[in-house]
Structure formats: structure tokens, C-alpha cells
Protein backbone atom coordinates (compact mmCIF):
# COMPACT_ATOMS: atom_id res chain seq x y z
CA MET A 1 34.67 27.64 -26.46
CA THR A 2 34.10 27.59 -29.49
CA HIS A 3 31.18 25.91 -31.75
CA ASP A 4 32.94 22.07 -32.79
CA LYS A 5 33.99 22.28 -28.70
CA LEU A 6 30.47 23.23 -27.76
CA MET A 7 29.27 19.96 -30.46
CA ALA A 8 32.63 17.72 -28.96
CA GLN A 9 31.30 18.08 -24.95
CA CYS A 10 27.59 17.63 -26.32
CA LYS A 11 28.46 14.70 -28.08
CA THR A 12 29.91 13.24 -24.44
CA LEU A 13 26.24 13.42 -23.25
CA ASP A 14 22.98 11.13 -23.54
CA GLU A 15 19.66 12.33 -25.51
CA ARG A 16 18.27 12.87 -21.90
CA GLU A 17 21.23 15.17 -20.49
CA LEU A 18 20.77 16.57 -24.16
CA VAL A 19 16.77 16.60 -23.26
CA SER A 20 17.67 18.45 -19.39
CA ILE A 21 20.12 21.44 -21.47
CA LEU A 22 16.75 22.89 -23.76
CA THR A 23 14.18 22.09 -20.93
CA ARG A 24 14.32 21.88 -17.26
CA ASP A 25 17.80 23.32 -16.81
CA ARG A 26 17.55 25.80 -19.57
CA ALA A 27 18.51 28.22 -17.43
CA GLN A 28 21.79 26.86 -16.06
CA TYR A 29 23.51 27.01 -19.90
CA GLU A 30 24.09 29.49 -22.40
CA ASP A 31 22.30 29.90 -25.74
CA ASP A 32 25.13 28.95 -27.70
CA PHE A 33 25.31 25.44 -25.69
CA ARG A 34 22.10 25.23 -25.42
CA GLU A 35 22.16 25.77 -29.94
CA ALA A 36 25.16 23.02 -29.27
CA ALA A 37 22.71 20.64 -27.36
CA ALA A 38 19.86 20.83 -30.11
CA GLU A 39 21.95 20.39 -32.82
CA MET A 40 23.25 17.48 -31.96
CA LEU A 41 20.03 15.42 -30.78
CA ASP A 42 18.91 16.40 -34.87
CA GLN A 43 22.45 14.78 -35.81
CA ARG A 44 21.41 11.56 -33.64
CA GLY A 45 18.14 11.70 -36.27
CA HIS A 46 15.58 12.73 -32.94
CA SER A 47 13.85 16.45 -31.96
CA LEU A 48 12.97 18.07 -28.48
CA ASP A 49 9.40 17.29 -29.61
CA SER A 50 9.59 13.00 -30.62
CA LEU A 51 11.43 12.60 -27.24
CA ILE A 52 9.39 14.09 -24.70
CA ASN A 53 6.21 13.18 -26.35
CA LYS A 54 6.59 9.58 -24.54
CA VAL A 55 5.25 9.70 -20.90
CA THR A 56 4.24 6.91 -19.19
CA VAL A 57 1.44 6.24 -17.51
CA TRP A 58 -0.20 3.68 -14.87
CA ARG A 59 -2.75 3.13 -12.34
CA TYR A 60 -4.36 0.72 -10.39
CA ASN A 61 -5.11 -2.56 -12.18
CA ILE A 62 -4.11 -1.29 -15.37
CA ALA A 63 -1.09 -2.01 -17.13
CA GLU A 64 1.67 0.24 -17.85
CA ALA A 65 2.39 2.11 -21.09
CA THR A 66 3.45 4.08 -23.37
CA VAL A 67 1.82 7.40 -24.37
CA THR A 68 1.58 10.93 -26.22
CA ILE A 69 1.35 13.72 -23.91
CA GLY A 70 -2.06 14.42 -25.16
CA GLU A 71 -3.47 10.97 -24.56
CA ALA A 72 -2.43 10.84 -21.08
CA VAL A 73 -4.31 14.07 -20.38
CA ALA A 74 -6.44 13.14 -21.69
CA SER A 75 -6.68 10.22 -19.29
CA LEU A 76 -8.02 12.58 -16.71
CA ASN A 77 -10.95 11.76 -17.63
CA GLU A 78 -12.04 8.99 -16.91
CA PRO A 79 -14.25 8.11 -13.89
CA SER A 80 -11.54 7.72 -11.30
CA GLY A 81 -11.83 7.10 -7.14
CA LEU A 82 -9.67 7.51 -4.55
CA ASP A 83 -8.33 3.49 -5.11
CA GLN A 84 -7.95 4.87 -8.62
CA ALA A 85 -5.06 7.85 -8.97
CA TRP A 86 -3.23 7.94 -11.51
CA TYR A 87 0.82 7.50 -12.43
CA PHE A 88 2.66 9.96 -15.03
CA THR A 89 6.20 9.71 -15.59
CA HIS A 90 7.90 12.41 -17.74
CA TYR A 91 10.60 11.65 -19.93
CA LEU A 92 13.25 12.76 -17.37
CA GLY A 93 12.08 9.88 -15.03
CA ASP A 94 10.12 13.05 -12.95
CA THR A 95 6.67 11.39 -11.54
CA VAL A 96 3.20 12.81 -10.36
CA MET A 97 0.97 10.80 -8.91
CA VAL A 98 -2.59 12.53 -9.31
CA GLN A 99 -5.46 11.47 -7.01
CA ARG A 100 -8.99 12.89 -8.00
CA GLN A 101 -11.20 14.21 -4.68
CA GLU A 102 -14.33 15.40 -4.18
CA ALA A 103 -13.68 19.12 -4.33
CA TYR A 104 -9.94 19.08 -5.24
CA TRP A 105 -7.75 17.47 -7.43
CA ALA A 106 -4.20 16.08 -5.11
CA PHE A 107 -0.58 15.98 -7.40
CA HIS A 108 2.24 14.73 -5.79
CA TYR A 109 5.74 14.88 -6.68
CA TYR A 110 8.20 12.27 -6.92
CA PRO A 111 11.40 13.98 -8.31
CA ALA A 112 13.79 10.48 -10.61
CA ASP A 113 15.70 7.76 -8.33
CA HIS A 114 13.86 9.89 -5.17
CA ASP A 115 12.30 7.69 -2.45
CA GLN A 116 10.25 10.67 -0.95
CA VAL A 117 7.40 12.86 -1.73
CA GLN A 118 9.14 16.74 -2.89
CA LYS A 119 5.69 18.82 -3.48
CA VAL A 120 2.20 18.34 -2.91
CA PHE A 121 -0.36 20.72 -3.94
CA PHE A 122 -3.80 20.48 -4.79
CA LEU A 123 -6.57 21.86 -7.70
CA GLU A 124 -9.89 23.08 -7.90
CA ASN A 125 -11.24 21.76 -10.89
CA GLN A 126 -10.14 19.93 -13.75
CA HIS A 127 -8.99 21.98 -16.54
CA ASP A 128 -6.43 23.14 -14.04
CA ALA A 129 -4.76 19.99 -13.55
CA GLU A 130 -4.93 19.18 -17.28
CA ASN A 131 -2.56 22.72 -17.84
CA ILE A 132 -0.51 21.80 -15.32
CA LEU A 133 0.20 18.47 -15.89
CA THR A 134 0.43 19.24 -19.59
CA ASP A 135 3.43 21.55 -18.27
CA PHE A 136 5.06 19.13 -15.74
CA LEU A 137 5.06 16.05 -19.23
CA ARG A 138 6.61 18.97 -21.71
CA LEU A 139 8.77 20.09 -18.60
CA ASP A 140 7.87 23.10 -18.28
CA ASP A 141 7.86 25.60 -15.86
CA LEU A 142 5.02 25.29 -13.97
CA ASN A 143 4.11 29.05 -11.66
CA LEU A 144 2.97 28.25 -8.96
CA ASP A 145 1.22 29.63 -6.25
CA GLU A 146 3.86 29.10 -3.09
CA ASP A 147 0.59 28.97 -0.62
CA ILE A 148 -1.79 25.88 -2.73
CA PHE A 149 1.72 23.52 -1.21
CA PHE A 150 1.02 22.22 1.74
CA TYR A 151 4.73 20.97 3.71
CA GLU A 152 3.01 19.67 7.41
CA TRP A 153 1.58 17.01 7.49
CA GLN A 154 -1.17 15.47 10.13
CA VAL A 155 -1.44 11.16 10.15
CA LEU A 156 -6.00 11.29 10.88
CA GLY A 157 -6.22 6.93 9.74
CA GLN A 158 -4.71 4.34 9.55
CA THR A 159 -5.56 0.72 8.39
CA ALA A 160 -5.91 -1.87 6.45
CA SER A 161 -9.89 -1.80 5.80
CA PHE A 162 -9.41 1.10 2.41
CA THR A 163 -13.48 0.80 2.95
CA HIS A 164 -13.09 3.03 6.15
CA ILE A 165 -10.92 5.13 4.82
CA GLU A 166 -13.29 5.59 2.46
CA GLN A 167 -15.50 6.62 5.03
CA ILE A 168 -13.06 9.23 6.76
CA ALA A 169 -12.30 10.90 3.40
CA ALA A 170 -16.06 11.80 2.18
CA ARG A 171 -16.63 13.41 5.99
CA LEU A 172 -12.95 15.47 4.86
CA ASP A 173 -14.92 15.96 1.21
CA LYS A 174 -18.22 17.38 2.93
CA LEU A 175 -15.25 20.18 5.17
CA ASP A 176 -13.67 20.86 1.76
CA VAL A 177 -10.76 19.60 3.41
CA CYS A 178 -7.75 18.82 0.74
CA TYR A 179 -6.39 15.16 2.24
CA LEU A 180 -4.00 12.81 1.41
CA VAL A 181 -4.29 9.35 0.74
CA GLU A 182 -1.14 6.82 0.86
CA GLN A 183 -1.09 3.03 0.85
CA VAL A 184 2.21 2.13 2.34
CA SER A 185 3.74 -0.86 4.22
CA HIS A 186 2.66 -1.97 7.82
CA ASP A 187 6.63 0.17 9.02
CA ALA A 188 6.61 3.38 6.74
CA VAL A 189 4.30 5.58 9.50
CA GLU A 190 5.33 4.97 12.78
CA VAL A 191 1.57 5.23 14.72
CA GLN A 192 0.47 5.48 17.98
CA THR A 193 -3.09 4.30 19.38
CA ARG A 194 -5.65 7.53 20.56
CA ASP A 195 -6.55 8.19 23.99
CA GLN A 196 -9.63 8.46 23.48
CA MET A 197 -10.57 5.91 21.22
CA PRO A 198 -10.69 2.04 22.70
CA TYR A 199 -7.43 -0.24 21.72
CA HIS A 200 -9.33 -2.04 19.18
CA GLY A 201 -10.14 0.84 16.96
CA PRO A 202 -8.47 2.07 13.65
CA GLN A 203 -4.80 3.51 14.89
CA VAL A 204 -4.76 7.26 14.96
CA VAL A 205 -2.17 9.47 15.25
CA THR A 206 -2.51 13.19 17.29
CA GLY A 207 -0.26 15.43 17.77
CA ARG A 208 2.24 14.36 15.64
CA ILE A 209 3.47 15.89 12.42
CA TYR A 210 5.15 14.58 9.50
CA ASP A 211 7.49 17.09 7.32
CA MET A 212 7.21 15.92 3.17
CA ASN A 213 10.64 14.73 4.46
CA ARG A 214 8.83 12.17 5.95
CA LEU A 215 6.57 10.31 3.81
CA PRO A 216 7.61 7.83 1.83
CA ARG A 217 7.40 7.14 -2.51
CA LEU A 218 3.67 6.29 -3.41
CA GLN A 219 3.56 2.87 -5.19
CA ALA A 220 0.42 2.31 -7.06
CA PHE A 221 -2.02 1.04 -5.36
CA HIS A 222 -2.73 -2.26 -4.54
CA LEU A 223 -6.55 -2.68 -2.91
CA ASP A 224 -5.26 -6.79 -2.81
CA ARG A 225 -2.44 -6.60 -0.94
CA PRO A 226 -2.71 -8.12 2.48
CA ASP A 227 0.32 -6.29 3.73
CA ALA A 228 -0.50 -2.39 3.26
CA LEU A 229 -1.91 -0.29 4.95
CA PHE A 230 -4.16 2.69 3.79
CA VAL A 231 -2.79 5.84 5.76
CA VAL A 232 -5.33 9.47 5.44
CA LEU A 233 -3.27 12.31 5.84
CA VAL A 234 -4.37 16.60 6.63
CA PRO A 235 -1.87 19.72 6.68
CA THR A 236 -2.07 20.60 9.93
CA LYS A 237 -3.93 23.27 9.52
CA PHE A 238 -7.43 21.50 9.16
CA ASP A 239 -6.77 20.94 12.66
CA LEU A 240 -10.02 21.23 14.26
CA HIS A 241 -11.57 19.37 10.89
CA THR A 242 -10.00 16.47 11.36
CA GLU A 243 -11.22 16.80 15.41
CA SER A 244 -15.21 16.67 14.19
CA VAL A 245 -14.53 13.40 11.67
CA LEU A 246 -13.14 10.99 14.09
CA ASN A 247 -15.20 12.65 16.86
CA GLU A 248 -18.54 11.31 14.38
CA LEU A 249 -16.87 9.10 13.34
CA GLU A 250 -17.03 7.59 16.94
CA GLY A 251 -20.42 8.69 17.76
CA VAL A 252 -21.80 6.40 14.94
CA ALA A 253 -19.62 3.44 15.76
CA ASP A 254 -20.90 3.84 19.26
CA SER A 255 -24.23 4.00 18.01
CA LEU A 256 -24.02 0.51 16.76
CA TYR A 257 -23.31 -1.13 19.35
CA ALA A 258 -25.42 -0.01 20.93
CA ARG A 259 -28.19 -1.67 18.82
CA LEU A 260 -25.88 -4.56 18.77
CA GLU A 261 -26.02 -4.72 22.21
CA GLU A 262 -29.74 -4.35 22.71
CA LEU A 263 -30.55 -7.02 20.06
CA PRO A 264 -33.06 -9.10 21.73
CA ALA A 265 -32.22 -13.07 22.33
CA GLY A 266 -32.49 -15.49 19.51
CA GLU A 267 -32.54 -12.42 17.13
CA GLU A 268 -31.84 -13.05 13.38
CA LEU A 269 -28.03 -13.74 12.37
CA GLU A 270 -28.83 -11.73 9.08
CA THR A 271 -29.98 -9.15 11.58
CA GLN A 272 -26.93 -9.87 13.55
CA LEU A 273 -24.41 -10.17 10.48
CA ALA A 274 -25.17 -6.95 9.00
CA LEU A 275 -24.50 -4.74 11.91
CA HIS A 276 -21.24 -6.37 12.21
CA GLU A 277 -20.97 -5.01 8.82
CA GLU A 278 -22.01 -1.88 9.94
CA LEU A 279 -19.32 -1.54 12.29
CA GLU A 280 -16.45 -3.47 10.57
CA VAL A 281 -15.91 -0.49 8.09
CA LEU A 282 -16.03 2.08 11.22
CA ARG A 283 -13.38 -0.57 12.90
CA PRO A 284 -11.72 -2.28 10.94
CA ASP A 285 -9.20 -3.54 13.30
CA ASP A 286 -11.30 -4.59 15.85
CA ALA A 287 -10.43 -8.79 16.23
CA GLU A 288 -13.29 -8.62 19.05
CA LEU A 289 -16.20 -7.61 16.53
CA MET A 290 -14.67 -10.05 13.69
CA TYR A 291 -13.92 -12.68 15.53
CA ASN A 292 -17.84 -12.56 16.54
CA LYS A 293 -19.03 -11.84 12.75
CA GLY A 294 -16.62 -15.03 12.24
CA GLY A 295 -18.98 -17.59 14.63
CA ILE A 296 -22.25 -15.42 12.77
CA LEU A 297 -20.94 -17.06 9.28
CA TYR A 298 -20.55 -20.26 11.51
CA ASP A 299 -23.98 -20.45 12.24
CA LEU A 300 -25.21 -19.81 8.90
CA LYS A 301 -22.76 -22.31 7.45
CA ARG A 302 -21.05 -20.00 5.71
CA TYR A 303 -17.76 -21.59 6.43
CA ALA A 304 -15.67 -20.56 3.68
CA ASP A 305 -16.55 -16.95 4.66
CA ALA A 306 -16.64 -17.67 8.08
CA ALA A 307 -12.70 -19.40 8.13
CA ASP A 308 -11.87 -15.85 6.03
CA THR A 309 -12.50 -13.91 9.40
CA TRP A 310 -10.83 -16.13 11.83
CA LEU A 311 -7.84 -15.68 10.19
CA SER A 312 -8.32 -12.06 9.49
CA THR A 313 -8.56 -12.37 13.47
CA LEU A 314 -4.92 -13.65 13.79
CA SER A 315 -3.81 -11.06 11.42
CA LEU A 316 -5.40 -8.89 13.79
CA ASP A 317 -4.24 -10.34 17.52
CA ILE A 318 -0.86 -10.32 15.86
CA ASP A 319 -0.91 -7.22 14.44
CA HIS A 320 -1.91 -5.93 18.24
CA SER A 321 0.27 -8.51 20.17
CA ALA A 322 -2.83 -9.38 21.63
CA LEU A 323 -1.44 -13.45 22.10
CA SER A 324 -3.69 -14.39 24.79
CA ASN A 325 -6.50 -15.04 22.19
CA LEU A 326 -4.77 -16.80 19.80
CA ASP A 327 -6.59 -19.82 21.98
CA ARG A 328 -10.17 -18.64 21.12
CA THR A 329 -9.00 -18.00 17.36
CA GLY A 330 -7.00 -21.21 16.98
CA THR A 331 -10.04 -24.01 17.85
CA SER A 332 -11.90 -21.96 15.33
CA LEU A 333 -10.35 -22.10 12.66
CA LYS A 334 -9.75 -25.76 13.52
CA GLU A 335 -13.52 -26.15 14.40
CA VAL A 336 -14.51 -25.34 10.83
CA LEU A 337 -11.39 -26.39 8.66
CA PRO A 338 -13.08 -29.76 8.72
CA GLN A 339 -15.67 -27.57 7.09
CA LEU A 340 -14.05 -26.64 3.76
CA ASP A 341 -14.77 -27.76 0.63
CA ASN A 342 -11.75 -26.17 -1.33
CA VAL A 343 -8.16 -27.17 -1.24
CA SER A 344 -6.99 -23.42 -0.89
CA LYS A 345 -8.89 -22.97 1.67
CA GLN A 346 -7.69 -25.87 3.92
CA ILE A 347 -4.44 -24.76 3.05
CA ALA A 348 -4.94 -20.59 4.79
CA VAL A 349 -6.12 -22.09 7.99
CA ARG A 350 -3.68 -24.51 8.63
CA HIS A 351 -0.90 -21.62 7.41
CA GLY A 352 -3.07 -20.22 10.20
CA LEU A 353 -3.22 -22.48 12.77
CA ALA A 354 1.04 -23.49 11.91
CA ALA A 355 1.57 -19.75 13.45
CA THR A 356 -0.79 -19.86 15.68
CA ASP A 357 1.71 -22.97 17.02
CA ALA A 358 5.10 -21.39 16.48
CA LEU A 359 3.78 -18.62 18.22
CA ARG A 360 2.54 -20.32 21.78
CA ASP A 361 6.23 -22.74 20.97
CA GLU A 362 3.89 -25.36 20.45
CA ILE A 363 5.98 -26.79 17.70
CA PRO A 364 5.34 -30.29 16.69
CA ASP A 365 1.72 -28.88 16.17
CA ALA A 366 3.24 -25.97 14.02
CA PHE A 367 5.25 -29.38 12.44
CA GLU A 368 2.36 -30.96 11.87
CA GLN A 369 -0.01 -28.56 9.77
CA PHE A 370 2.59 -27.29 7.77
CA GLN A 371 3.41 -31.38 6.54
CA ALA A 372 -0.34 -31.57 6.13
CA ILE A 373 -0.23 -28.32 3.49
CA LEU A 374 2.71 -30.24 1.22
CA ALA A 375 0.89 -32.81 1.55
CA LEU A 376 -2.06 -30.58 -0.62
CA GLN A 377 0.50 -28.74 -2.69
CA PRO A 378 3.39 -30.00 -2.00
CA ASP A 379 4.84 -26.47 -4.19
CA ASP A 380 3.95 -24.58 -1.07
CA ALA A 381 6.92 -21.97 -1.27
CA ILE A 382 5.88 -20.65 2.53
CA ALA A 383 5.57 -24.34 4.06
CA HIS A 384 8.58 -26.11 3.35
CA LEU A 385 10.78 -21.90 3.98
CA ASN A 386 8.69 -22.54 7.46
CA LEU A 387 9.64 -26.12 7.54
CA GLY A 388 13.71 -25.69 6.70
CA TYR A 389 13.95 -22.60 9.64
CA LEU A 390 11.73 -25.11 11.89
CA TYR A 391 13.63 -27.67 11.71
CA TYR A 392 17.10 -25.06 11.74
CA GLU A 393 15.43 -24.16 15.12
CA HIS A 394 14.03 -27.28 16.72
CA THR A 395 16.43 -29.97 15.78
CA GLU A 396 19.58 -31.11 14.72
CA GLU A 397 18.42 -32.43 11.23
CA SER A 398 20.28 -30.84 8.75
CA HIS A 399 19.70 -32.79 6.17
CA HIS A 400 15.71 -31.77 6.33
CA THR A 401 16.93 -28.21 6.89
CA ARG A 402 18.80 -28.14 3.54
CA THR A 403 16.05 -30.36 1.42
CA HIS A 404 12.90 -27.44 2.47
CA LEU A 405 15.30 -24.67 2.19
CA GLU A 406 16.96 -25.23 -0.97
CA HIS A 407 12.95 -26.52 -2.10
CA TYR A 408 11.67 -22.85 -1.42
CA LEU A 409 14.64 -21.37 -2.83
CA THR A 410 13.62 -23.24 -6.42
CA ILE A 411 10.65 -22.16 -6.29
CA GLU A 412 11.64 -18.31 -5.18
CA PRO A 413 14.71 -17.63 -7.25
CA GLU A 414 14.24 -14.29 -6.60
CA ALA A 415 12.64 -13.55 -3.50
CA ASP A 416 13.86 -10.92 -0.93
CA ASP A 417 15.55 -13.64 1.86
CA ALA A 418 17.32 -15.80 -0.49
CA ASP A 419 19.95 -14.51 0.10
CA ALA A 420 19.91 -14.52 4.11
CA ILE A 421 18.30 -18.34 3.21
CA ARG A 422 21.24 -19.04 0.33
CA GLU A 423 23.77 -18.41 3.14
CA LEU A 424 22.59 -20.17 5.83
CA LEU A 425 22.57 -23.38 3.64
CA ASP A 426 26.52 -22.03 2.97
CA ASN A 427 27.13 -21.84 6.68
CA LEU A 428 25.87 -25.86 7.40
CA ASP A 429 28.21 -27.35 5.04
CA ALA A 430 30.86 -25.26 6.86
CA SER A 431 29.38 -26.80 10.61
């Protein structure tokens, strides 16, 4: 093919396609085509180095930024923990997440516009981590040995408590075991409760294997995401180590429970609270433990903390389908409500009570709670949404349905359920 024809073909390509020809996909093209691609970039006023030297970096609580490759690599020198992983995206859109552990640097590789991780590998020192990150961002071949990759993983622990995840990670570090910490939505990883663990313990999978194409695309960590779970995954080759970690954690928790049961009657509330908080780290999904902790906080007149704790108990009861406990938790929330001065806290408790009432099919009480919320905060989007649905499902008062759902859409026009709500409103017009 003549040079003019090659240039005409390159003219139809955008800068990213031209860069791909010159870097990642260069082995697929002849020298003359790569020369034409480089010439086309030059005609457009670009050099290859100037384009690929713009990369994107972000991490939890730090805004996304466009930086040079040198600046990106230098960021690995900054202090980081499991919740402070770095995310690096190169010019062609592929991303690596780099997570620093006690003994290793974990790299997750995600191709552009791909929902699953493609490869995970571990490096033993910062020097290697910096070199591999540089090669990745420069679109060079990584030339990694196949034996550093792991393809089959076992879920060791899953919980909303990051503190509990840190307990697991610390024990894996001592055993020199590679692992991943992922943050996913509640339904991203199926789980089953381990037979020898109590119902209220953290959910753990044994005997179920996940290959890499089952792992979801990782999002930047957000420790305050209420809809997220943290998951620890360990390569299946470390199966014996995972059992020892679980057994150790169970043993520590059992000893703390024994100490709690042995406390003499009338023991200082602060002592009781301290033991509950130690246990909470090990058993973050124990609804009974959480409920009792709320009672201690209430007796200490720490009413706002008691309310938060009972709301967490309510969430655990709902997650575990322990609906028989809702009466107990709802009664406690009603008891603490008059003690709360903070309006936001009152609204949170009333939302919890409304959810409890709806689950118990006590619809008039749910109406009352949502209306009380709107008296405190007229633009509470969730109250409007739920009132709209309650009117729709339980009354013939379609004008109230419309009023609340339209108000919700005014507040949250881009909500995930906005289209479904608009369709429901259209159906109201047709009926």
C-alpha cells in the first residue's frame, strides 16, 4: 500500500486509535503503517509522549485528577491503607487499582469499558510496583511471569464493617498470605453462612470458588456507603490458612462473649459497653449484640448513639429476614425518639419506624411516620417516594400518589427509579 493510501487511512482514525497502533497494538501492524500513524499525530500537532503522559488518578476522599506519569508513580510513596487504594487510568482507558498490604502490592487490572477484572497479581516491593505501574501507564508490555497471577479465589469474609475486614487482613498479613479487599453492592457476591458459625456472625463462604470473570469492576472505596459490603478474597491455594484465620477470630469472639456473660450484676455500664464494642469488631453482623449495645447507650443517656445503634440493628434484622425482631427494635426506637434534639436524627429514626411499620403491614402507622417526616423536612425525597407508593398500593387517592411522586422527581430527577416512576404516573393518566 502506498504512503498516500496509508495516510488516508490514518486520517480516518482518532488520536486514541493512532496511539494504540503505536503502542499496545503495535505488533499487529507493519512498520510503514506505524510510521504513517506517527506522521498523522505530528500533523495534528501531537507527539506520542505528550498524549500518553496524561493519566487519571483518584482514590477515596481525593478528587480525580489528570497528572503526568511521573506524578502518578510518585503517589505510591504516600501513606495508604486497605481503604486508600489508588486507581490509575492510562491514555487508552484501562485501569489498575493498586492496594498496599503489609507484605505485598496488589494490582487489579481492568480493561476499558469492561465490567470484570481481567488479571490480579501481587508484587513484593515498592520498586517493582513503581516499575510495573510506569510500564502500564506508558502502554508498554508488562512482561510478567504467569506464576504471579491468581485466577481462582475464595470469599473469606463479607461484611459492611471495614474494621472487621482489617482484623481479617491483619491475620492474613502475619501468615504472608496474598488477598484482595473488594467493596461491592450487597447483591454482587452470593454468600452462604458457614455451618459452624452462629447465624449472626459475618457471612463467610467456604467451598465455593470464584474465577476472575465473576469479580465485579471495583469502585473507589467509600467507607460511608450504606449499600456496600467489604469482601476479603483469598487465592484457593491458601485454603488451610483461611481456616486458621476464621478459627482464630471465632476463638477471640467466644472468649469475649464468655467475659460478657461472667460480668457480675450491676457491673459498670462503661465496662459492658467496652466489651460490646470489642465484640462488634469481630461480629459486626450480630443483631442481638447490636441491640444490647443500644440499650447500654440509652442507659448512659447517650440517646443519639443509641438511636444510631438501634437503626443499625433494624438494618441487620431486615438483611437477615429476622422480621420477628422488628417489634423489639421498633419499640426501642419509639422510646428514644422523644429524647432526640437533633432534627436530622429524629427524621432518621422516623424513617426506621416507617420501614418497620410497612414490613409489619401496619400501613396507617407508616403513613403517620412519613407525614411526620415531611412536617420536619418538606423536601425529604424518600418520604415523598414512599408516601406516593403507599397511596398507590393502599388507597384510591391517585391525586396524592401523583403529588408525592412528582415532588420526588422534582427533588431527584436523575434517580435510578425515575423512569419507572414516570411510567407509573403515565399509567395513572391512562386509567
